[in-house]
Protein backbone atom coordinates (compact mmCIF):
# COMPACT_ATOMS: atom_id res chain seq x y z
CA MET A 1 233.38 137.22 88.04
CA ASP A 2 230.38 138.05 85.96
CA LEU A 3 229.05 141.47 85.06
CA LYS A 4 226.13 141.35 87.48
CA GLN A 5 228.41 140.78 90.50
CA LEU A 6 230.73 143.53 89.30
CA ASN A 7 227.85 146.02 89.06
CA THR A 8 226.68 145.02 92.57
CA GLN A 9 230.18 145.59 94.02
CA ILE A 10 230.48 148.97 92.27
CA ALA A 11 227.09 150.01 93.67
CA GLN A 12 228.17 148.94 97.18
CA VAL A 13 231.42 150.91 96.92
CA GLN A 14 229.57 153.98 95.67
CA TRP A 15 226.99 153.68 98.45
CA SER A 16 229.69 153.22 101.11
CA GLN A 17 231.39 156.41 99.84
CA PHE A 18 228.07 158.27 99.66
CA LEU A 19 226.99 157.60 103.28
CA PRO A 20 229.93 159.38 105.00
CA LEU A 21 229.53 162.31 102.60
CA LEU A 22 225.80 162.49 103.42
CA ARG A 23 226.48 162.37 107.18
CA TRP A 24 229.09 165.13 106.82
CA GLN A 25 226.64 167.35 104.88
CA ILE A 26 223.88 166.77 107.47
CA ASN A 27 226.24 167.66 110.34
CA ARG A 28 227.18 170.88 108.53
CA LEU A 29 223.53 171.98 108.54
CA GLY A 30 223.26 172.42 112.30
CA ALA A 31 220.04 172.14 114.32
CA LEU A 32 218.02 174.66 112.32
CA GLY A 33 219.14 173.20 109.03
CA LYS A 34 218.14 169.70 110.15
CA ILE A 35 214.71 170.98 111.19
CA GLY A 36 214.36 172.71 107.83
CA MET A 37 215.34 169.57 105.94
CA GLY A 38 212.90 167.54 108.04
CA LEU A 39 210.11 170.00 107.25
CA LEU A 40 211.02 169.86 103.58
CA VAL A 41 210.83 166.05 103.58
CA VAL A 42 207.46 166.13 105.44
CA THR A 43 206.16 168.71 102.96
CA VAL A 44 207.10 166.55 99.99
CA ILE A 45 205.47 163.49 101.59
CA TYR A 46 202.32 165.50 102.40
CA PHE A 47 202.18 166.85 98.86
CA PHE A 48 202.29 163.40 97.28
CA SER A 49 200.01 161.72 99.83
CA ALA A 50 197.34 164.42 100.35
CA VAL A 51 197.49 167.22 97.78
CA LEU A 52 197.88 165.24 94.55
CA PRO A 53 194.99 162.82 95.25
CA GLN A 54 192.75 165.79 96.07
CA ASP A 55 193.83 167.48 92.85
CA SER A 56 192.47 164.58 90.81
CA ALA A 57 189.24 164.65 92.84
CA LEU A 58 188.98 168.39 92.20
CA GLN A 59 189.46 167.83 88.48
CA LYS A 60 186.62 165.28 88.46
CA LEU A 61 184.36 167.72 90.30
CA LYS A 62 185.18 170.46 87.79
CA GLU A 63 184.29 168.14 84.92
CA ARG A 64 181.03 167.21 86.67
CA ALA A 65 180.21 170.90 87.20
CA GLU A 66 180.83 171.65 83.53
CA THR A 67 178.55 168.76 82.53
CA LEU A 68 175.80 169.97 84.84
CA GLN A 69 176.22 173.52 83.56
CA MET A 70 175.83 172.35 79.97
CA GLN A 71 172.72 170.37 80.94
CA ALA A 72 171.26 173.40 82.69
CA ASN A 73 171.97 175.60 79.67
CA SER A 74 170.30 173.11 77.33
CA LYS A 75 167.23 172.94 79.57
CA GLN A 76 167.14 176.72 79.75
CA THR A 77 167.16 177.09 75.96
CA SER A 78 164.44 174.46 75.64
CA GLY A 79 162.55 176.26 78.41
CA ASP A 80 162.44 179.48 76.39
CA ALA A 81 159.47 178.04 74.52
CA ASP A 82 157.65 177.80 77.86
CA ALA A 83 158.41 181.44 78.71
CA GLY A 84 154.77 182.40 78.22
CA LYS A 85 153.82 180.09 81.11
CA LYS A 86 155.75 181.99 83.79
CA MET A 87 153.98 182.90 87.01
CA SER A 88 152.73 186.38 87.63
CA SER A 89 154.20 188.30 90.53
CA ASP A 90 151.06 187.67 92.62
CA GLN A 91 151.30 183.94 92.00
CA ALA A 92 155.00 183.91 92.86
CA LEU A 93 154.31 185.84 96.06
CA GLN A 94 151.58 183.37 97.00
CA VAL A 95 153.98 180.45 96.43
CA PHE A 96 156.48 182.22 98.68
CA TYR A 97 153.95 182.66 101.50
CA ASP A 98 152.71 179.07 101.09
CA PHE A 99 156.23 177.89 101.93
CA PHE A 100 155.79 179.01 105.54
CA PRO A 101 153.87 176.79 107.99
CA ARG A 102 150.40 177.80 109.17
CA ILE A 103 150.14 179.87 112.34
CA ASP A 104 148.26 177.11 114.16
CA SER A 105 151.15 174.66 113.64
CA SER A 106 153.46 176.27 116.23
CA PRO A 107 152.93 173.54 118.89
CA PHE A 108 154.14 170.95 116.37
CA TRP A 109 157.34 172.88 115.70
CA ILE A 110 158.01 173.34 119.42
CA ARG A 111 157.61 169.57 119.94
CA GLU A 112 159.99 169.07 117.02
CA LEU A 113 162.62 171.27 118.73
CA VAL A 114 162.21 169.30 121.97
CA ARG A 115 162.55 166.01 120.05
CA LEU A 116 165.74 167.21 118.33
CA ALA A 117 167.18 168.37 121.68
CA LYS A 118 166.56 164.91 123.18
CA LYS A 119 168.06 163.25 120.11
CA GLN A 120 171.28 165.25 120.49
CA LYS A 121 171.29 164.89 124.33
CA VAL A 122 170.89 168.65 124.84
CA GLU A 123 169.05 169.93 127.88
CA LEU A 124 166.30 172.54 127.31
CA SER A 125 164.89 174.40 130.31
CA SER A 126 162.38 177.19 131.05
CA SER A 127 161.82 178.37 127.49
CA GLU A 128 159.97 181.59 126.72
CA TYR A 129 157.56 181.99 123.79
CA ARG A 130 155.88 185.04 122.34
CA LEU A 131 153.78 185.51 119.21
CA VAL A 132 154.38 188.80 117.39
CA ASN A 133 151.54 189.47 114.99
CA GLU A 134 151.91 192.78 113.14
CA LYS A 135 148.81 194.21 111.45
CA ASP A 136 149.91 194.67 107.84
CA ALA A 137 152.34 191.74 107.67
CA ARG A 138 151.39 188.46 106.01
CA LEU A 139 153.71 186.53 108.31
CA ALA A 140 153.59 186.24 112.08
CA ARG A 141 156.79 185.84 114.07
CA TYR A 142 156.90 183.35 116.93
CA GLU A 143 159.80 184.41 119.15
CA MET A 144 161.39 181.74 121.31
CA ILE A 145 164.13 182.03 123.88
CA LEU A 146 165.66 178.62 124.54
CA PRO A 147 168.18 178.13 127.36
CA VAL A 148 170.27 175.16 126.26
CA LYS A 149 172.85 173.17 128.21
CA GLY A 150 175.25 170.58 126.86
CA ARG A 151 178.60 169.97 125.26
CA TYR A 152 179.57 172.12 122.27
CA PRO A 153 179.38 169.35 119.61
CA GLU A 154 175.93 168.31 120.86
CA ILE A 155 174.60 171.87 120.86
CA ARG A 156 176.04 172.49 117.41
CA ALA A 157 174.41 169.30 116.10
CA PHE A 158 171.10 170.36 117.68
CA ILE A 159 171.22 173.75 115.96
CA ALA A 160 172.11 172.18 112.59
CA ASP A 161 169.30 169.60 112.89
CA ALA A 162 166.79 172.28 113.93
CA LEU A 163 167.64 174.56 111.00
CA GLU A 164 167.38 171.62 108.59
CA ALA A 165 164.12 170.26 110.02
CA ILE A 166 162.43 173.66 110.35
CA PRO A 167 163.41 175.80 107.34
CA ALA A 168 161.06 178.63 108.38
CA MET A 169 163.15 179.13 111.52
CA ALA A 170 165.94 181.66 111.99
CA ILE A 171 168.37 182.13 114.87
CA SER A 172 168.51 185.82 115.73
CA ALA A 173 170.94 185.72 118.67
CA ILE A 174 173.22 183.34 120.53
CA ALA A 175 174.80 183.92 123.95
CA ILE A 176 177.33 181.36 125.21
CA LYS A 177 178.49 180.92 128.79
CA ARG A 178 180.88 178.41 130.34
CA GLU A 179 181.31 177.97 134.11
CA SER A 180 185.07 177.40 133.91
CA VAL A 181 187.75 176.99 131.27
CA SER A 182 188.15 173.29 132.06
CA SER A 183 184.42 172.54 131.85
CA ASP A 184 183.21 170.94 128.63
CA ARG A 185 179.57 171.89 129.32
CA LEU A 186 178.15 175.13 127.98
CA GLU A 187 175.11 177.17 128.80
CA MET A 188 173.70 178.76 125.67
CA ARG A 189 170.81 181.15 125.19
CA LEU A 190 169.27 180.83 121.73
CA GLU A 191 166.87 183.46 120.44
CA ILE A 192 164.88 181.88 117.63
CA ASN A 193 162.25 183.30 115.30
CA LEU A 194 159.78 180.96 113.66
CA TYR A 195 157.95 182.62 110.76
CA LEU A 196 154.34 181.51 110.30
CA ASN A 197 151.77 182.15 107.60
CA LYS A 198 148.61 183.84 108.93
């Protein structure tokens, strides 16, 4: 008998003695102990399969953030020479107001909302519109009340698309109604303000 076969037989004997001992220890735990051990095993598996890979991704993101921060700092120090070319407060204010769409562009933005609603399969009905034009303000506020019907994911996607496509828009109020608990369709009342440059 060679050494390799001897080692294999010893391992088999040790394993055959270990299994009854393991079964005895598991039976001693009881139901709650078994559940606890199962949760412990699942936790260890989850840690190695989900947490550790994300940790390396997080480390890469931190390194990327540090690189970008160093680049931003170097640009800022080189930009100190251009400090004399900064905008005056009036120029900065004008740039701010120029960001907002012109007051005569409101029909375009309403069509854009209707297009986004159709894209997300959301139903719009009997909307109300009102232009609020205060005397001393440089911006006008176009108030819209949009009754919306659809499933929650569709309505949520519609709102996200609308806020991305129309950055001068703000949602001031949302009211949600569902006919029954089992229904997946919602009725939502969106109050939207579109800010326009006069």
